[in-house]
Amino acid sequence: MRPAGVRRGQIRRLRTTVAGDILTAVVSADEMHDATSRAIVARITADAEAADTGVSVPLPTGMDAVGWIMPDRLNEVTQIKLGPSLGDLPAETLEHLDVALGVVLGLPRR
């Protein structure tokens, strides 16, 4: 059974056996979530040193989490391993994340 409404831009906890719950941002397209049981997530860290990569995107103030989204730390996971949504990233943060993902993946700029 899939968690309700996994959508791009959501902050969700990823349940892992070894590391416990890890805070993540859903970066895959909604079409992928609708067509498969998988999602691609970027890890979120509160460790400023770990986030100092040149591509990390800060979480905006006012969210229930503090830290940086690390677009260079992607994981493909089954949606069932994702906890409930903790909130949605604002459009401006998603745009910043898109640029960072493009840099990490070597995608041409639009």
PDB file of N, CA and C in Angstrom:
ATOM      1  N   MET A   1       0.842  -1.189   0.000  1.00  0.00           N
ATOM      2  CA  MET A   1       0.000   0.000   0.000  1.00  0.00           C
ATOM      3  C   MET A   1       0.886   1.252   0.000  1.00  0.00           C
ATOM      4  N   ARG A   2       0.580   2.193  -0.878  1.00  0.00           N
ATOM      5  CA  ARG A   2       1.355   3.432  -0.984  1.00  0.00           C
ATOM      6  C   ARG A   2       0.846   4.468   0.003  1.00  0.00           C
ATOM      7  N   PRO A   3       1.771   5.310   0.512  1.00  0.00           N
ATOM      8  CA  PRO A   3       1.297   6.407   1.349  1.00  0.00           C
ATOM      9  C   PRO A   3       0.481   7.382   0.504  1.00  0.00           C
ATOM     10  N   ALA A   4      -0.472   8.024   1.118  1.00  0.00           N
ATOM     11  CA  ALA A   4      -1.369   8.927   0.394  1.00  0.00           C
ATOM     12  C   ALA A   4      -0.600  10.060  -0.263  1.00  0.00           C
ATOM     13  N   GLY A   5      -0.846  10.221  -1.556  1.00  0.00           N
ATOM     14  CA  GLY A   5      -0.411  11.400  -2.281  1.00  0.00           C
ATOM     15  C   GLY A   5       1.052  11.764  -2.241  1.00  0.00           C
ATOM     16  N   VAL A   6       1.967  10.822  -2.509  1.00  0.00           N
ATOM     17  CA  VAL A   6       3.381  11.199  -2.616  1.00  0.00           C
ATOM     18  C   VAL A   6       3.504  12.148  -3.799  1.00  0.00           C
ATOM     19  N   ARG A   7       4.020  13.344  -3.546  1.00  0.00           N
ATOM     20  CA  ARG A   7       4.117  14.373  -4.577  1.00  0.00           C
ATOM     21  C   ARG A   7       5.468  15.068  -4.518  1.00  0.00           C
ATOM     22  N   ARG A   8       5.910  15.503  -5.694  1.00  0.00           N
ATOM     23  CA  ARG A   8       7.173  16.232  -5.809  1.00  0.00           C
ATOM     24  C   ARG A   8       7.130  17.474  -4.923  1.00  0.00           C
ATOM     25  N   GLY A   9       8.237  17.717  -4.222  1.00  0.00           N
ATOM     26  CA  GLY A   9       8.340  18.900  -3.378  1.00  0.00           C
ATOM     27  C   GLY A   9       7.915  18.678  -1.940  1.00  0.00           C
ATOM     28  N   GLN A  10       7.439  17.482  -1.625  1.00  0.00           N
ATOM     29  CA  GLN A  10       7.066  17.205  -0.236  1.00  0.00           C
ATOM     30  C   GLN A  10       8.298  16.847   0.590  1.00  0.00           C
ATOM     31  N   ILE A  11       8.240  17.191   1.868  1.00  0.00           N
ATOM     32  CA  ILE A  11       9.237  16.746   2.836  1.00  0.00           C
ATOM     33  C   ILE A  11       8.641  15.520   3.522  1.00  0.00           C
ATOM     34  N   ARG A  12       9.402  14.428   3.514  1.00  0.00           N
ATOM     35  CA  ARG A  12       8.929  13.186   4.138  1.00  0.00           C
ATOM     36  C   ARG A  12      10.087  12.484   4.823  1.00  0.00           C
ATOM     37  N   ARG A  13       9.764  11.727   5.852  1.00  0.00           N
ATOM     38  CA  ARG A  13      10.763  10.881   6.505  1.00  0.00           C
ATOM     39  C   ARG A  13      10.841   9.562   5.750  1.00  0.00           C
ATOM     40  N   LEU A  14      12.075   9.133   5.487  1.00  0.00           N
ATOM     41  CA  LEU A  14      12.329   7.837   4.875  1.00  0.00           C
ATOM     42  C   LEU A  14      12.664   6.861   5.993  1.00  0.00           C
ATOM     43  N   ARG A  15      11.896   5.800   6.088  1.00  0.00           N
ATOM     44  CA  ARG A  15      12.132   4.792   7.127  1.00  0.00           C
ATOM     45  C   ARG A  15      13.212   3.826   6.652  1.00  0.00           C
ATOM     46  N   THR A  16      14.328   3.760   7.395  1.00  0.00           N
ATOM     47  CA  THR A  16      15.404   2.833   7.051  1.00  0.00           C
ATOM     48  C   THR A  16      15.659   1.888   8.213  1.00  0.00           C
ATOM     49  N   THR A  17      16.178   0.733   7.897  1.00  0.00           N
ATOM     50  CA  THR A  17      16.462  -0.264   8.923  1.00  0.00           C
ATOM     51  C   THR A  17      17.697   0.105   9.729  1.00  0.00           C
ATOM     52  N   VAL A  18      18.731   0.566   9.060  1.00  0.00           N
ATOM     53  CA  VAL A  18      20.010   0.818   9.718  1.00  0.00           C
ATOM     54  C   VAL A  18      20.080   2.201  10.356  1.00  0.00           C
ATOM     55  N   ALA A  19      19.724   3.238   9.612  1.00  0.00           N
ATOM     56  CA  ALA A  19      19.909   4.615  10.087  1.00  0.00           C
ATOM     57  C   ALA A  19      18.676   5.201  10.764  1.00  0.00           C
ATOM     58  N   GLY A  20      17.590   4.455  10.842  1.00  0.00           N
ATOM     59  CA  GLY A  20      16.358   5.019  11.397  1.00  0.00           C
ATOM     60  C   GLY A  20      15.684   5.912  10.375  1.00  0.00           C
ATOM     61  N   ASP A  21      14.914   6.871  10.845  1.00  0.00           N
ATOM     62  CA  ASP A  21      14.222   7.795   9.943  1.00  0.00           C
ATOM     63  C   ASP A  21      15.178   8.873   9.449  1.00  0.00           C
ATOM     64  N   ILE A  22      15.139   9.121   8.135  1.00  0.00           N
ATOM     65  CA  ILE A  22      15.968  10.144   7.501  1.00  0.00           C
ATOM     66  C   ILE A  22      15.030  11.151   6.847  1.00  0.00           C
ATOM     67  N   LEU A  23      15.275  12.422   7.074  1.00  0.00           N
ATOM     68  CA  LEU A  23      14.469  13.470   6.458  1.00  0.00           C
ATOM     69  C   LEU A  23      14.861  13.604   4.989  1.00  0.00           C
ATOM     70  N   THR A  24      13.850  13.656   4.098  1.00  0.00           N
ATOM     71  CA  THR A  24      14.104  13.740   2.660  1.00  0.00           C
ATOM     72  C   THR A  24      13.131  14.702   1.988  1.00  0.00           C
ATOM     73  N   ALA A  25      13.507  15.112   0.774  1.00  0.00           N
ATOM     74  CA  ALA A  25      12.624  15.886  -0.101  1.00  0.00           C
ATOM     75  C   ALA A  25      12.342  15.033  -1.331  1.00  0.00           C
ATOM     76  N   VAL A  26      11.081  14.915  -1.708  1.00  0.00           N
ATOM     77  CA  VAL A  26      10.707  14.146  -2.899  1.00  0.00           C
ATOM     78  C   VAL A  26      11.054  14.986  -4.125  1.00  0.00           C
ATOM     79  N   VAL A  27      11.893  14.431  -5.030  1.00  0.00           N
ATOM     80  CA  VAL A  27      12.328  15.183  -6.207  1.00  0.00           C
ATOM     81  C   VAL A  27      11.829  14.586  -7.518  1.00  0.00           C
ATOM     82  N   SER A  28      11.289  13.382  -7.490  1.00  0.00           N
ATOM     83  CA  SER A  28      10.805  12.762  -8.727  1.00  0.00           C
ATOM     84  C   SER A  28       9.449  13.338  -9.130  1.00  0.00           C
ATOM     85  N   ALA A  29       9.126  13.143 -10.404  1.00  0.00           N
ATOM     86  CA  ALA A  29       7.892  13.690 -10.978  1.00  0.00           C
ATOM     87  C   ALA A  29       6.664  12.945 -10.471  1.00  0.00           C
ATOM     88  N   ASP A  30       5.568  13.664 -10.345  1.00  0.00           N
ATOM     89  CA  ASP A  30       4.310  13.056  -9.907  1.00  0.00           C
ATOM     90  C   ASP A  30       3.870  11.931 -10.846  1.00  0.00           C
ATOM     91  N   GLU A  31       4.186  12.057 -12.132  1.00  0.00           N
ATOM     92  CA  GLU A  31       3.838  11.009 -13.091  1.00  0.00           C
ATOM     93  C   GLU A  31       4.515   9.685 -12.718  1.00  0.00           C
ATOM     94  N   MET A  32       5.738   9.757 -12.206  1.00  0.00           N
ATOM     95  CA  MET A  32       6.437   8.547 -11.762  1.00  0.00           C
ATOM     96  C   MET A  32       5.711   7.921 -10.578  1.00  0.00           C
ATOM     97  N   HIS A  33       5.277   8.756  -9.648  1.00  0.00           N
ATOM     98  CA  HIS A  33       4.595   8.250  -8.449  1.00  0.00           C
ATOM     99  C   HIS A  33       3.272   7.588  -8.807  1.00  0.00           C
ATOM    100  N   ASP A  34       2.592   8.140  -9.807  1.00  0.00           N
ATOM    101  CA  ASP A  34       1.305   7.586 -10.224  1.00  0.00           C
ATOM    102  C   ASP A  34       1.467   6.279 -11.005  1.00  0.00           C
ATOM    103  N   ALA A  35       2.576   6.158 -11.746  1.00  0.00           N
ATOM    104  CA  ALA A  35       2.773   5.004 -12.621  1.00  0.00           C
ATOM    105  C   ALA A  35       3.511   3.844 -11.950  1.00  0.00           C
ATOM    106  N   THR A  36       4.256   4.131 -10.880  1.00  0.00           N
ATOM    107  CA  THR A  36       5.059   3.091 -10.227  1.00  0.00           C
ATOM    108  C   THR A  36       4.891   3.185  -8.713  1.00  0.00           C
ATOM    109  N   SER A  37       5.496   2.265  -8.029  1.00  0.00           N
ATOM    110  CA  SER A  37       5.482   2.298  -6.559  1.00  0.00           C
ATOM    111  C   SER A  37       6.751   2.942  -6.017  1.00  0.00           C
ATOM    112  N   ARG A  38       7.531   3.600  -6.886  1.00  0.00           N
ATOM    113  CA  ARG A  38       8.833   4.156  -6.518  1.00  0.00           C
ATOM    114  C   ARG A  38       8.786   5.682  -6.448  1.00  0.00           C
ATOM    115  N   ALA A  39       9.796   6.245  -5.776  1.00  0.00           N
ATOM    116  CA  ALA A  39       9.996   7.697  -5.730  1.00  0.00           C
ATOM    117  C   ALA A  39      11.492   7.953  -5.593  1.00  0.00           C
ATOM    118  N   ILE A  40      11.937   9.105  -6.056  1.00  0.00           N
ATOM    119  CA  ILE A  40      13.329   9.512  -5.875  1.00  0.00           C
ATOM    120  C   ILE A  40      13.333  10.654  -4.871  1.00  0.00           C
ATOM    121  N   VAL A  41      14.183  10.512  -3.861  1.00  0.00           N
ATOM    122  CA  VAL A  41      14.255  11.507  -2.797  1.00  0.00           C
ATOM    123  C   VAL A  41      15.686  12.003  -2.641  1.00  0.00           C
ATOM    124  N   ALA A  42      15.809  13.242  -2.176  1.00  0.00           N
ATOM    125  CA  ALA A  42      17.103  13.826  -1.833  1.00  0.00           C
ATOM    126  C   ALA A  42      17.174  13.932  -0.317  1.00  0.00           C
ATOM    127  N   ARG A  43      18.288  13.548   0.219  1.00  0.00           N
ATOM    128  CA  ARG A  43      18.472  13.577   1.670  1.00  0.00           C
ATOM    129  C   ARG A  43      18.537  15.020   2.162  1.00  0.00           C
ATOM    130  N   ILE A  44      18.039  15.244   3.363  1.00  0.00           N
ATOM    131  CA  ILE A  44      18.123  16.546   4.027  1.00  0.00           C
ATOM    132  C   ILE A  44      19.031  16.379   5.234  1.00  0.00           C
ATOM    133  N   THR A  45      19.930  17.332   5.436  1.00  0.00           N
ATOM    134  CA  THR A  45      20.825  17.285   6.585  1.00  0.00           C
ATOM    135  C   THR A  45      20.731  18.577   7.381  1.00  0.00           C
ATOM    136  N   ALA A  46      20.945  18.463   8.676  1.00  0.00           N
ATOM    137  CA  ALA A  46      21.047  19.642   9.540  1.00  0.00           C
ATOM    138  C   ALA A  46      22.508  19.981   9.794  1.00  0.00           C
ATOM    139  N   ASP A  47      23.417  19.185   9.241  1.00  0.00           N
ATOM    140  CA  ASP A  47      24.858  19.347   9.432  1.00  0.00           C
ATOM    141  C   ASP A  47      25.404  20.328   8.393  1.00  0.00           C
ATOM    142  N   ALA A  48      25.762  21.525   8.833  1.00  0.00           N
ATOM    143  CA  ALA A  48      26.233  22.567   7.917  1.00  0.00           C
ATOM    144  C   ALA A  48      27.479  22.128   7.156  1.00  0.00           C
ATOM    145  N   GLU A  49      28.355  21.387   7.808  1.00  0.00           N
ATOM    146  CA  GLU A  49      29.576  20.927   7.143  1.00  0.00           C
ATOM    147  C   GLU A  49      29.249  19.931   6.027  1.00  0.00           C
ATOM    148  N   ALA A  50      28.338  19.011   6.288  1.00  0.00           N
ATOM    149  CA  ALA A  50      27.933  18.033   5.267  1.00  0.00           C
ATOM    150  C   ALA A  50      27.227  18.713   4.099  1.00  0.00           C
ATOM    151  N   ALA A  51      26.535  19.806   4.383  1.00  0.00           N
ATOM    152  CA  ALA A  51      25.785  20.519   3.347  1.00  0.00           C
ATOM    153  C   ALA A  51      26.664  21.440   2.516  1.00  0.00           C
ATOM    154  N   ASP A  52      27.907  21.641   2.920  1.00  0.00           N
ATOM    155  CA  ASP A  52      28.803  22.581   2.251  1.00  0.00           C
ATOM    156  C   ASP A  52      29.384  21.959   0.980  1.00  0.00           C
ATOM    157  N   THR A  53      28.517  21.743  -0.012  1.00  0.00           N
ATOM    158  CA  THR A  53      28.924  21.101  -1.266  1.00  0.00           C
ATOM    159  C   THR A  53      28.849  22.048  -2.461  1.00  0.00           C
ATOM    160  N   GLY A  54      28.274  23.204  -2.272  1.00  0.00           N
ATOM    161  CA  GLY A  54      28.089  24.137  -3.374  1.00  0.00           C
ATOM    162  C   GLY A  54      26.768  23.959  -4.104  1.00  0.00           C
ATOM    163  N   VAL A  55      26.058  22.864  -3.830  1.00  0.00           N
ATOM    164  CA  VAL A  55      24.782  22.631  -4.506  1.00  0.00           C
ATOM    165  C   VAL A  55      23.621  22.430  -3.537  1.00  0.00           C
ATOM    166  N   SER A  56      23.887  22.354  -2.250  1.00  0.00           N
ATOM    167  CA  SER A  56      22.812  22.136  -1.273  1.00  0.00           C
ATOM    168  C   SER A  56      21.868  23.328  -1.248  1.00  0.00           C
ATOM    169  N   VAL A  57      20.587  23.032  -1.036  1.00  0.00           N
ATOM    170  CA  VAL A  57      19.535  24.047  -1.051  1.00  0.00           C
ATOM    171  C   VAL A  57      18.976  24.187   0.361  1.00  0.00           C
ATOM    172  N   PRO A  58      19.037  25.398   0.940  1.00  0.00           N
ATOM    173  CA  PRO A  58      18.523  25.558   2.306  1.00  0.00           C
ATOM    174  C   PRO A  58      17.003  25.420   2.358  1.00  0.00           C
ATOM    175  N   LEU A  59      16.533  24.780   3.419  1.00  0.00           N
ATOM    176  CA  LEU A  59      15.090  24.747   3.657  1.00  0.00           C
ATOM    177  C   LEU A  59      14.644  26.142   4.062  1.00  0.00           C
ATOM    178  N   PRO A  60      13.505  26.591   3.575  1.00  0.00           N
ATOM    179  CA  PRO A  60      13.033  27.927   3.949  1.00  0.00           C
ATOM    180  C   PRO A  60      12.611  27.972   5.413  1.00  0.00           C
ATOM    181  N   THR A  61      12.686  29.150   5.995  1.00  0.00           N
ATOM    182  CA  THR A  61      12.217  29.313   7.369  1.00  0.00           C
ATOM    183  C   THR A  61      10.712  29.075   7.406  1.00  0.00           C
ATOM    184  N   GLY A  62      10.245  28.650   8.553  1.00  0.00           N
ATOM    185  CA  GLY A  62       8.825  28.395   8.708  1.00  0.00           C
ATOM    186  C   GLY A  62       8.426  26.948   8.462  1.00  0.00           C
ATOM    187  N   MET A  63       9.368  26.127   8.022  1.00  0.00           N
ATOM    188  CA  MET A  63       9.059  24.702   7.825  1.00  0.00           C
ATOM    189  C   MET A  63       9.277  23.980   9.150  1.00  0.00           C
ATOM    190  N   ASP A  64       8.749  22.784   9.263  1.00  0.00           N
ATOM    191  CA  ASP A  64       8.906  21.990  10.483  1.00  0.00           C
ATOM    192  C   ASP A  64      10.286  21.363  10.590  1.00  0.00           C
ATOM    193  N   ALA A  65      11.153  21.620   9.633  1.00  0.00           N
ATOM    194  CA  ALA A  65      12.509  21.071   9.630  1.00  0.00           C
ATOM    195  C   ALA A  65      13.500  22.193   9.351  1.00  0.00           C
ATOM    196  N   VAL A  66      14.716  22.009   9.833  1.00  0.00           N
ATOM    197  CA  VAL A  66      15.795  22.964   9.602  1.00  0.00           C
ATOM    198  C   VAL A  66      16.927  22.205   8.931  1.00  0.00           C
ATOM    199  N   GLY A  67      17.505  22.777   7.883  1.00  0.00           N
ATOM    200  CA  GLY A  67      18.629  22.117   7.241  1.00  0.00           C
ATOM    201  C   GLY A  67      18.732  22.453   5.771  1.00  0.00           C
ATOM    202  N   TRP A  68      19.393  21.555   5.049  1.00  0.00           N
ATOM    203  CA  TRP A  68      19.675  21.737   3.635  1.00  0.00           C
ATOM    204  C   TRP A  68      19.303  20.477   2.868  1.00  0.00           C
ATOM    205  N   ILE A  69      18.704  20.659   1.699  1.00  0.00           N
ATOM    206  CA  ILE A  69      18.430  19.542   0.796  1.00  0.00           C
ATOM    207  C   ILE A  69      19.715  19.294   0.015  1.00  0.00           C
ATOM    208  N   MET A  70      20.133  18.040  -0.056  1.00  0.00           N
ATOM    209  CA  MET A  70      21.378  17.692  -0.744  1.00  0.00           C
ATOM    210  C   MET A  70      21.058  16.965  -2.059  1.00  0.00           C
ATOM    211  N   PRO A  71      21.012  17.707  -3.180  1.00  0.00           N
ATOM    212  CA  PRO A  71      20.656  17.094  -4.459  1.00  0.00           C
ATOM    213  C   PRO A  71      21.713  16.126  -4.979  1.00  0.00           C
ATOM    214  N   ASP A  72      22.866  16.093  -4.338  1.00  0.00           N
ATOM    215  CA  ASP A  72      23.906  15.136  -4.710  1.00  0.00           C
ATOM    216  C   ASP A  72      23.797  13.840  -3.905  1.00  0.00           C
ATOM    217  N   ARG A  73      22.753  13.722  -3.089  1.00  0.00           N
ATOM    218  CA  ARG A  73      22.506  12.514  -2.277  1.00  0.00           C
ATOM    219  C   ARG A  73      21.099  12.002  -2.582  1.00  0.00           C
ATOM    220  N   LEU A  74      20.945  11.367  -3.743  1.00  0.00           N
ATOM    221  CA  LEU A  74      19.642  10.885  -4.200  1.00  0.00           C
ATOM    222  C   LEU A  74      19.488   9.392  -3.920  1.00  0.00           C
ATOM    223  N   ASN A  75      18.259   8.989  -3.621  1.00  0.00           N
ATOM    224  CA  ASN A  75      17.924   7.580  -3.425  1.00  0.00           C
ATOM    225  C   ASN A  75      16.599   7.284  -4.111  1.00  0.00           C
ATOM    226  N   GLU A  76      16.525   6.129  -4.767  1.00  0.00           N
ATOM    227  CA  GLU A  76      15.252   5.640  -5.280  1.00  0.00           C
ATOM    228  C   GLU A  76      14.698   4.686  -4.227  1.00  0.00           C
ATOM    229  N   VAL A  77      13.457   4.906  -3.832  1.00  0.00           N
ATOM    230  CA  VAL A  77      12.866   4.121  -2.744  1.00  0.00           C
ATOM    231  C   VAL A  77      11.442   3.711  -3.106  1.00  0.00           C
ATOM    232  N   THR A  78      10.948   2.691  -2.431  1.00  0.00           N
ATOM    233  CA  THR A  78       9.537   2.362  -2.578  1.00  0.00           C
ATOM    234  C   THR A  78       8.743   3.377  -1.763  1.00  0.00           C
ATOM    235  N   GLN A  79       7.631   3.808  -2.309  1.00  0.00           N
ATOM    236  CA  GLN A  79       6.830   4.837  -1.644  1.00  0.00           C
ATOM    237  C   GLN A  79       6.372   4.407  -0.254  1.00  0.00           C
ATOM    238  N   ILE A  80       6.206   3.117  -0.053  1.00  0.00           N
ATOM    239  CA  ILE A  80       5.732   2.613   1.239  1.00  0.00           C
ATOM    240  C   ILE A  80       6.707   2.958   2.374  1.00  0.00           C
ATOM    241  N   LYS A  81       7.979   3.201   2.031  1.00  0.00           N
ATOM    242  CA  LYS A  81       8.980   3.537   3.051  1.00  0.00           C
ATOM    243  C   LYS A  81       8.943   5.011   3.452  1.00  0.00           C
ATOM    244  N   LEU A  82       8.111   5.792   2.776  1.00  0.00           N
ATOM    245  CA  LEU A  82       8.011   7.219   3.080  1.00  0.00           C
ATOM    246  C   LEU A  82       6.881   7.464   4.073  1.00  0.00           C
ATOM    247  N   GLY A  83       7.195   8.218   5.110  1.00  0.00           N
ATOM    248  CA  GLY A  83       6.181   8.586   6.087  1.00  0.00           C
ATOM    249  C   GLY A  83       5.264   9.663   5.534  1.00  0.00           C
ATOM    250  N   PRO A  84       4.319  10.136   6.348  1.00  0.00           N
ATOM    251  CA  PRO A  84       3.397  11.185   5.906  1.00  0.00           C
ATOM    252  C   PRO A  84       4.138  12.477   5.551  1.00  0.00           C
ATOM    253  N   SER A  85       3.524  13.275   4.704  1.00  0.00           N
ATOM    254  CA  SER A  85       4.116  14.555   4.320  1.00  0.00           C
ATOM    255  C   SER A  85       4.231  15.471   5.531  1.00  0.00           C
ATOM    256  N   LEU A  86       5.402  16.100   5.649  1.00  0.00           N
ATOM    257  CA  LEU A  86       5.644  17.071   6.718  1.00  0.00           C
ATOM    258  C   LEU A  86       5.485  18.499   6.210  1.00  0.00           C
ATOM    259  N   GLY A  87       5.158  18.635   4.930  1.00  0.00           N
ATOM    260  CA  GLY A  87       4.975  19.957   4.338  1.00  0.00           C
ATOM    261  C   GLY A  87       5.468  19.972   2.904  1.00  0.00           C
ATOM    262  N   ASP A  88       5.120  21.032   2.201  1.00  0.00           N
ATOM    263  CA  ASP A  88       5.501  21.205   0.803  1.00  0.00           C
ATOM    264  C   ASP A  88       6.504  22.336   0.676  1.00  0.00           C
ATOM    265  N   LEU A  89       7.498  22.137  -0.176  1.00  0.00           N
ATOM    266  CA  LEU A  89       8.459  23.198  -0.449  1.00  0.00           C
ATOM    267  C   LEU A  89       7.782  24.297  -1.259  1.00  0.00           C
ATOM    268  N   PRO A  90       8.071  25.561  -0.960  1.00  0.00           N
ATOM    269  CA  PRO A  90       7.513  26.642  -1.773  1.00  0.00           C
ATOM    270  C   PRO A  90       8.114  26.627  -3.183  1.00  0.00           C
ATOM    271  N   ALA A  91       7.407  27.228  -4.124  1.00  0.00           N
ATOM    272  CA  ALA A  91       7.820  27.242  -5.533  1.00  0.00           C
ATOM    273  C   ALA A  91       9.241  27.773  -5.703  1.00  0.00           C
ATOM    274  N   GLU A  92       9.608  28.810  -4.974  1.00  0.00           N
ATOM    275  CA  GLU A  92      10.948  29.400  -5.099  1.00  0.00           C
ATOM    276  C   GLU A  92      12.032  28.391  -4.705  1.00  0.00           C
ATOM    277  N   THR A  93      11.790  27.630  -3.655  1.00  0.00           N
ATOM    278  CA  THR A  93      12.760  26.618  -3.223  1.00  0.00           C
ATOM    279  C   THR A  93      12.836  25.491  -4.245  1.00  0.00           C
ATOM    280  N   LEU A  94      11.690  25.094  -4.809  1.00  0.00           N
ATOM    281  CA  LEU A  94      11.688  24.057  -5.850  1.00  0.00           C
ATOM    282  C   LEU A  94      12.471  24.502  -7.082  1.00  0.00           C
ATOM    283  N   GLU A  95      12.352  25.767  -7.452  1.00  0.00           N
ATOM    284  CA  GLU A  95      13.113  26.289  -8.589  1.00  0.00           C
ATOM    285  C   GLU A  95      14.607  26.216  -8.303  1.00  0.00           C
ATOM    286  N   HIS A  96      15.013  26.595  -7.102  1.00  0.00           N
ATOM    287  CA  HIS A  96      16.417  26.527  -6.687  1.00  0.00           C
ATOM    288  C   HIS A  96      16.889  25.072  -6.719  1.00  0.00           C
ATOM    289  N   LEU A  97      16.052  24.161  -6.240  1.00  0.00           N
ATOM    290  CA  LEU A  97      16.379  22.737  -6.239  1.00  0.00           C
ATOM    291  C   LEU A  97      16.520  22.208  -7.665  1.00  0.00           C
ATOM    292  N   ASP A  98      15.660  22.647  -8.580  1.00  0.00           N
ATOM    293  CA  ASP A  98      15.755  22.225  -9.982  1.00  0.00           C
ATOM    294  C   ASP A  98      17.102  22.617 -10.588  1.00  0.00           C
ATOM    295  N   VAL A  99      17.553  23.831 -10.302  1.00  0.00           N
ATOM    296  CA  VAL A  99      18.855  24.285 -10.805  1.00  0.00           C
ATOM    297  C   VAL A  99      19.965  23.412 -10.225  1.00  0.00           C
ATOM    298  N   ALA A 100      19.905  23.163  -8.918  1.00  0.00           N
ATOM    299  CA  ALA A 100      20.930  22.345  -8.260  1.00  0.00           C
ATOM    300  C   ALA A 100      20.939  20.920  -8.816  1.00  0.00           C
ATOM    301  N   LEU A 101      19.756  20.333  -9.038  1.00  0.00           N
ATOM    302  CA  LEU A 101      19.684  18.991  -9.624  1.00  0.00           C
ATOM    303  C   LEU A 101      20.269  18.987 -11.036  1.00  0.00           C
ATOM    304  N   GLY A 102      20.014  20.040 -11.791  1.00  0.00           N
ATOM    305  CA  GLY A 102      20.576  20.150 -13.134  1.00  0.00           C
ATOM    306  C   GLY A 102      22.091  20.178 -13.119  1.00  0.00           C
ATOM    307  N   VAL A 103      22.668  20.888 -12.157  1.00  0.00           N
ATOM    308  CA  VAL A 103      24.125  20.939 -12.016  1.00  0.00           C
ATOM    309  C   VAL A 103      24.660  19.554 -11.663  1.00  0.00           C
ATOM    310  N   VAL A 104      24.054  18.918 -10.686  1.00  0.00           N
ATOM    311  CA  VAL A 104      24.511  17.602 -10.226  1.00  0.00           C
ATOM    312  C   VAL A 104      24.411  16.557 -11.340  1.00  0.00           C
ATOM    313  N   LEU A 105      23.321  16.584 -12.098  1.00  0.00           N
ATOM    314  CA  LEU A 105      23.077  15.567 -13.123  1.00  0.00           C
ATOM    315  C   LEU A 105      23.620  15.948 -14.500  1.00  0.00           C
ATOM    316  N   GLY A 106      24.180  17.152 -14.623  1.00  0.00           N
ATOM    317  CA  GLY A 106      24.742  17.587 -15.893  1.00  0.00           C
ATOM    318  C   GLY A 106      23.707  17.856 -16.962  1.00  0.00           C
ATOM    319  N   LEU A 107      22.528  18.323 -16.545  1.00  0.00           N
ATOM    320  CA  LEU A 107      21.454  18.603 -17.495  1.00  0.00           C
ATOM    321  C   LEU A 107      21.647  19.986 -18.113  1.00  0.00           C
ATOM    322  N   PRO A 108      21.291  20.147 -19.395  1.00  0.00           N
ATOM    323  CA  PRO A 108      21.419  21.469 -20.014  1.00  0.00           C
ATOM    324  C   PRO A 108      20.456  22.464 -19.368  1.00  0.00           C
ATOM    325  N   ARG A 109      20.905  23.688 -19.275  1.00  0.00           N
ATOM    326  CA  ARG A 109      20.039  24.739 -18.709  1.00  0.00           C
ATOM    327  C   ARG A 109      19.012  25.151 -19.738  1.00  0.00           C
ATOM    328  N   ARG A 110      17.828  25.509 -19.229  1.00  0.00           N
ATOM    329  CA  ARG A 110      16.735  25.923 -20.122  1.00  0.00           C
ATOM    330  C   ARG A 110      16.872  27.365 -20.497  1.00  0.00           C
TER     331      ARG A 110
END
